[in-house]
């Protein structure tokens, strides 16, 4: 039986000011128990019709974001074969190919047997292979970590805010008073903040103490 897993999305500088927007909403249908295959799907946020996928088996603390693609594809969704259950943790990455010289940032998702420790490491990655030179530095969140109130400093109007936990579950949506978020009722842990601006989405990580 196929098991649908909604992957937690790690997006850094999702649209930012890049000429090639990154994909989002990465989902995985897992059939590893029978055929050692997974079906990976995503949302294309630009006009790309080609994508690159990277797969990292045995992803763990200390693992790095891939610099090269594992395979180039033109199908969405795409079936990945040869997924061995002998590995403890798989991390999947997708990026859009907008031209021969222009690719988006990676959109990453970690699943298939990953421990909480490995998953938290995945969420807190911020190395140069994953960060764009066009990072949106005009939007700032503070204090981070926070115990109750998270403040947002930004020059543009914020239309909506969503917060996701480390499993990818949406735990809060806010459409008013978007310069201040009360996170007092959230459990301690790492969260992903999805901020809707007029022409882009910005993603920020924060820690609830």
Protein backbone atom coordinates (compact mmCIF):
# COMPACT_ATOMS: atom_id res chain seq x y z
CA UNK A 1 0.00 0.00 0.00
CA UNK A 2 1.31 3.36 -0.92
CA UNK A 3 1.81 5.74 1.94
CA UNK A 4 1.49 9.43 1.21
CA UNK A 5 4.03 11.45 3.11
CA UNK A 6 3.73 15.20 3.12
CA UNK A 7 7.30 16.29 3.37
CA UNK A 8 8.44 19.13 5.53
CA UNK A 9 9.73 21.70 3.17
CA UNK A 10 13.02 23.34 3.72
CA UNK A 11 13.07 26.41 1.50
CA UNK A 12 15.76 29.01 1.74
CA UNK A 13 15.22 32.12 -0.37
CA UNK A 14 12.35 30.44 -2.19
CA UNK A 15 11.57 33.17 -4.70
CA UNK A 16 13.77 35.86 -3.24
CA UNK A 17 14.95 37.92 -6.18
CA UNK A 18 16.20 34.99 -8.24
CA UNK A 19 15.58 34.87 -11.97
CA UNK A 20 14.77 31.17 -11.60
CA UNK A 21 12.22 30.50 -8.85
CA UNK A 22 12.57 27.31 -6.85
CA UNK A 23 9.85 24.64 -6.77
CA UNK A 24 7.70 24.15 -3.68
CA UNK A 25 5.17 21.71 -2.14
CA UNK A 26 7.45 18.71 -2.50
CA UNK A 27 5.47 15.51 -1.84
CA UNK A 28 6.46 11.87 -1.75
CA UNK A 29 4.46 8.68 -2.26
CA UNK A 30 6.42 5.85 -0.71
CA UNK A 31 6.19 2.30 -2.05
CA UNK A 32 9.57 1.18 -0.78
CA UNK A 33 8.19 -1.87 1.06
CA UNK A 34 7.21 -3.56 -2.22
CA UNK A 35 8.98 -2.08 -5.23
CA UNK A 36 11.76 0.04 -3.75
CA UNK A 37 10.38 3.08 -5.55
CA UNK A 38 9.17 6.51 -4.55
CA UNK A 39 7.14 9.03 -6.51
CA UNK A 40 8.35 12.58 -6.08
CA UNK A 41 6.16 15.54 -7.06
CA UNK A 42 6.39 19.30 -6.64
CA UNK A 43 4.89 22.63 -7.67
CA UNK A 44 6.67 24.60 -10.37
CA UNK A 45 6.59 28.32 -9.54
CA UNK A 46 8.00 29.61 -12.81
CA UNK A 47 7.96 28.40 -16.41
CA UNK A 48 10.55 25.62 -16.15
CA UNK A 49 9.81 22.30 -17.84
CA UNK A 50 13.07 20.65 -16.79
CA UNK A 51 14.15 19.87 -13.25
CA UNK A 52 17.11 18.30 -11.48
CA UNK A 53 16.83 15.87 -8.59
CA UNK A 54 19.47 14.89 -6.06
CA UNK A 55 19.11 11.99 -3.64
CA UNK A 56 21.35 11.57 -0.59
CA UNK A 57 21.15 8.16 1.12
CA UNK A 58 22.22 7.78 4.74
CA UNK A 59 21.69 11.47 5.35
CA UNK A 60 22.74 12.32 8.89
CA UNK A 61 24.22 14.97 11.11
CA UNK A 62 27.16 16.48 9.26
CA UNK A 63 25.81 15.70 5.79
CA UNK A 64 25.98 18.53 3.27
CA UNK A 65 23.66 19.80 0.58
CA UNK A 66 24.55 18.33 -2.84
CA UNK A 67 26.27 20.54 -5.38
CA UNK A 68 25.47 18.37 -8.41
CA UNK A 69 22.25 16.87 -9.71
CA UNK A 70 21.64 13.13 -9.48
CA UNK A 71 19.34 13.10 -12.52
CA UNK A 72 17.66 15.54 -14.94
CA UNK A 73 13.94 15.01 -15.54
CA UNK A 74 11.09 16.41 -17.60
CA UNK A 75 8.27 14.62 -15.78
CA UNK A 76 6.43 15.85 -12.70
CA UNK A 77 5.72 13.65 -10.78
CA UNK A 78 8.80 11.48 -11.25
CA UNK A 79 9.32 7.85 -10.21
CA UNK A 80 12.64 7.17 -8.46
CA UNK A 81 13.73 3.53 -8.42
CA UNK A 82 16.43 1.68 -6.54
CA UNK A 83 15.58 3.09 -3.12
CA UNK A 84 17.11 0.53 -0.81
CA UNK A 85 15.58 -0.08 2.65
CA UNK A 86 19.09 -0.89 3.91
CA UNK A 87 19.80 2.85 4.18
CA UNK A 88 18.63 4.61 7.32
CA UNK A 89 17.64 7.98 5.90
CA UNK A 90 17.05 9.49 2.49
CA UNK A 91 17.10 13.21 1.69
CA UNK A 92 15.55 14.42 -1.58
CA UNK A 93 16.26 17.70 -3.38
CA UNK A 94 14.60 19.30 -6.41
CA UNK A 95 15.54 22.42 -8.37
CA UNK A 96 14.18 24.06 -11.53
CA UNK A 97 16.24 24.44 -14.70
CA UNK A 98 15.24 27.71 -16.35
CA UNK A 99 17.95 27.77 -19.03
CA UNK A 100 21.28 26.22 -19.91
CA UNK A 101 23.00 28.54 -17.44
CA UNK A 102 20.29 29.32 -14.87
CA UNK A 103 19.02 26.94 -12.18
CA UNK A 104 17.05 27.70 -9.04
CA UNK A 105 18.07 27.08 -5.47
CA UNK A 106 17.46 23.55 -4.19
CA UNK A 107 14.20 22.76 -2.47
CA UNK A 108 14.94 20.02 0.03
CA UNK A 109 12.85 17.47 1.87
CA UNK A 110 14.01 14.76 4.22
CA UNK A 111 12.08 11.57 4.89
CA UNK A 112 12.17 7.75 4.74
CA UNK A 113 13.49 6.66 8.09
CA UNK A 114 15.31 9.82 9.15
CA UNK A 115 15.75 10.29 12.86
CA UNK A 116 14.59 13.44 14.61
CA UNK A 117 18.24 14.37 15.12
CA UNK A 118 19.01 14.04 11.41
CA UNK A 119 15.83 15.86 10.51
CA UNK A 120 16.57 18.78 12.80
CA UNK A 121 20.05 18.97 11.30
CA UNK A 122 18.48 19.08 7.86
CA UNK A 123 16.28 21.98 8.92
CA UNK A 124 19.13 23.99 10.36
CA UNK A 125 21.49 23.65 7.40
CA UNK A 126 22.70 27.01 6.13
CA UNK A 127 25.86 26.36 4.16
CA UNK A 128 26.98 28.18 1.03
CA UNK A 129 25.83 25.35 -1.24
CA UNK A 130 22.22 26.04 -0.30
CA UNK A 131 22.14 29.77 0.29
CA UNK A 132 21.70 32.13 -2.60
CA UNK A 133 23.73 35.27 -3.17
CA UNK A 134 20.38 37.05 -3.57
CA UNK A 135 19.15 36.33 -0.05
CA UNK A 136 16.37 38.63 1.11
CA UNK A 137 18.13 40.57 3.86
CA UNK A 138 15.48 43.30 4.13
CA UNK A 139 13.21 41.03 6.16
CA UNK A 140 14.35 40.18 9.66
CA UNK A 141 12.79 38.19 12.49
CA UNK A 142 13.67 38.65 16.16
CA UNK A 143 14.22 37.61 18.87
CA UNK A 144 15.37 34.23 17.62
CA UNK A 145 15.20 31.99 19.64
CA UNK A 146 12.00 33.26 21.24
CA UNK A 147 9.71 32.15 24.07
CA UNK A 148 6.49 33.97 23.21
CA UNK A 149 6.56 36.85 20.70
CA UNK A 150 8.26 36.84 17.30
CA UNK A 151 8.67 40.23 15.62
CA UNK A 152 9.09 40.83 11.88
CA UNK A 153 10.94 43.82 10.47
CA UNK A 154 10.19 44.38 6.80
CA UNK A 155 9.81 47.25 4.33
CA UNK A 156 6.92 45.68 2.43
CA UNK A 157 3.36 44.74 3.33
CA UNK A 158 2.95 41.20 4.63
CA UNK A 159 -0.22 39.55 3.35
CA UNK A 160 -0.15 36.30 5.30
CA UNK A 161 2.07 34.20 7.56
CA UNK A 162 2.17 30.43 8.02
CA UNK A 163 4.21 28.42 10.49
CA UNK A 164 5.20 24.77 9.93
CA UNK A 165 6.72 22.35 12.44
CA UNK A 166 9.65 20.03 11.67
CA UNK A 167 7.26 17.40 10.27
CA UNK A 168 5.84 19.83 7.75
CA UNK A 169 2.53 20.25 9.58
CA UNK A 170 0.99 23.71 9.44
CA UNK A 171 0.54 24.83 13.03
CA UNK A 172 -0.43 28.48 12.64
CA UNK A 173 -1.82 30.88 10.01
CA UNK A 174 -2.04 34.62 10.55
CA UNK A 175 -3.49 37.24 8.20
CA UNK A 176 -3.63 40.31 10.47
CA UNK A 177 -1.11 42.20 12.62
CA UNK A 178 1.61 40.48 10.65
CA UNK A 179 4.54 42.31 12.20
CA UNK A 180 4.07 40.40 15.45
CA UNK A 181 3.35 36.69 16.03
CA UNK A 182 2.41 35.07 19.32
CA UNK A 183 4.10 31.65 19.46
CA UNK A 184 3.67 31.12 23.19
CA UNK A 185 1.45 28.07 22.70
CA UNK A 186 3.85 26.28 20.36
CA UNK A 187 5.96 23.43 21.67
CA UNK A 188 9.71 23.87 21.96
CA UNK A 189 11.52 23.14 18.72
CA UNK A 190 12.51 24.35 15.25
CA UNK A 191 9.89 25.92 12.99
CA UNK A 192 9.68 27.22 9.43
CA UNK A 193 8.08 30.62 8.88
CA UNK A 194 6.44 31.15 5.47
CA UNK A 195 5.87 34.86 4.83
CA UNK A 196 3.68 36.01 1.94
CA UNK A 197 4.72 39.34 0.47
CA UNK A 198 3.11 41.02 -2.52
CA UNK A 199 5.35 39.42 -5.15
CA UNK A 200 7.24 36.70 -3.34
CA UNK A 201 7.38 34.29 -0.44
CA UNK A 202 10.17 34.45 2.09
CA UNK A 203 11.11 31.57 4.38
CA UNK A 204 12.79 31.95 7.74
CA UNK A 205 13.66 29.45 10.43
CA UNK A 206 13.17 30.18 14.12
CA UNK A 207 13.51 28.32 17.38
CA UNK A 208 10.82 28.27 20.07
CA UNK A 209 12.38 27.96 23.51
